[in-house]
């Protein structure tokens, strides 16, 4: 799976507007500041705060 590099450059965390990065498995986007993981389904990032999964500290 490959998300468009240009898309990744403009996406930000919808909660804090901070930077996000792709997970190692390329199955989600992580906001380190909020400690949230936004899933990617069918090559579409789900950038809804309610759909985000909290990350372990």
Protein backbone atom coordinates (compact mmCIF):
# COMPACT_ATOMS: atom_id res chain seq x y z
CA UNK A 1 0.00 0.00 0.00
CA UNK A 2 1.30 3.43 -0.81
CA UNK A 3 -0.26 6.68 0.23
CA UNK A 4 0.45 9.62 -1.97
CA UNK A 5 3.48 11.56 -0.62
CA UNK A 6 1.79 14.87 -1.40
CA UNK A 7 -1.25 13.82 0.64
CA UNK A 8 0.93 12.86 3.60
CA UNK A 9 2.65 16.25 3.43
CA UNK A 10 -0.60 18.18 3.88
CA UNK A 11 -2.41 15.96 6.42
CA UNK A 12 -2.34 17.06 10.05
CA UNK A 13 -3.91 15.73 13.22
CA UNK A 14 -7.53 16.91 13.31
CA UNK A 15 -7.38 17.28 17.10
CA UNK A 16 -4.22 19.38 17.62
CA UNK A 17 -3.29 20.30 14.02
CA UNK A 18 0.16 18.81 14.68
CA UNK A 19 2.32 16.69 12.43
CA UNK A 20 1.47 13.04 11.79
CA UNK A 21 3.55 10.23 10.38
CA UNK A 22 2.93 6.86 8.79
CA UNK A 23 3.31 3.76 10.96
CA UNK A 24 6.03 1.23 10.13
CA UNK A 25 3.38 -1.17 8.84
CA UNK A 26 1.80 1.64 6.78
CA UNK A 27 -1.60 0.81 8.30
CA UNK A 28 -2.15 4.07 10.18
CA UNK A 29 -1.10 7.63 10.85
CA UNK A 30 0.29 8.62 14.25
CA UNK A 31 0.11 11.91 16.12
CA UNK A 32 2.81 11.78 18.80
CA UNK A 33 1.49 14.88 20.57
CA UNK A 34 -2.05 13.48 21.08
CA UNK A 35 -0.86 9.84 21.26
CA UNK A 36 -3.52 8.86 18.70
CA UNK A 37 -3.44 6.40 15.81
CA UNK A 38 -5.66 7.18 12.84
CA UNK A 39 -6.36 4.00 10.84
CA UNK A 40 -5.96 3.63 7.09
CA UNK A 41 -8.67 1.51 5.44
CA UNK A 42 -8.63 0.63 1.74
CA UNK A 43 -5.81 3.17 1.24
CA UNK A 44 -7.96 5.96 2.75
CA UNK A 45 -6.82 7.67 5.97
CA UNK A 46 -9.69 7.88 8.45
CA UNK A 47 -9.00 11.28 9.99
CA UNK A 48 -11.91 11.37 12.44
CA UNK A 49 -11.10 11.92 16.12
CA UNK A 50 -13.83 9.44 17.11
CA UNK A 51 -12.21 6.74 14.95
CA UNK A 52 -8.70 7.29 16.33
CA UNK A 53 -7.22 4.72 18.68
CA UNK A 54 -5.30 5.82 21.77
CA UNK A 55 -1.69 4.65 21.84
CA UNK A 56 -0.03 3.14 24.87
CA UNK A 57 2.41 5.45 26.70
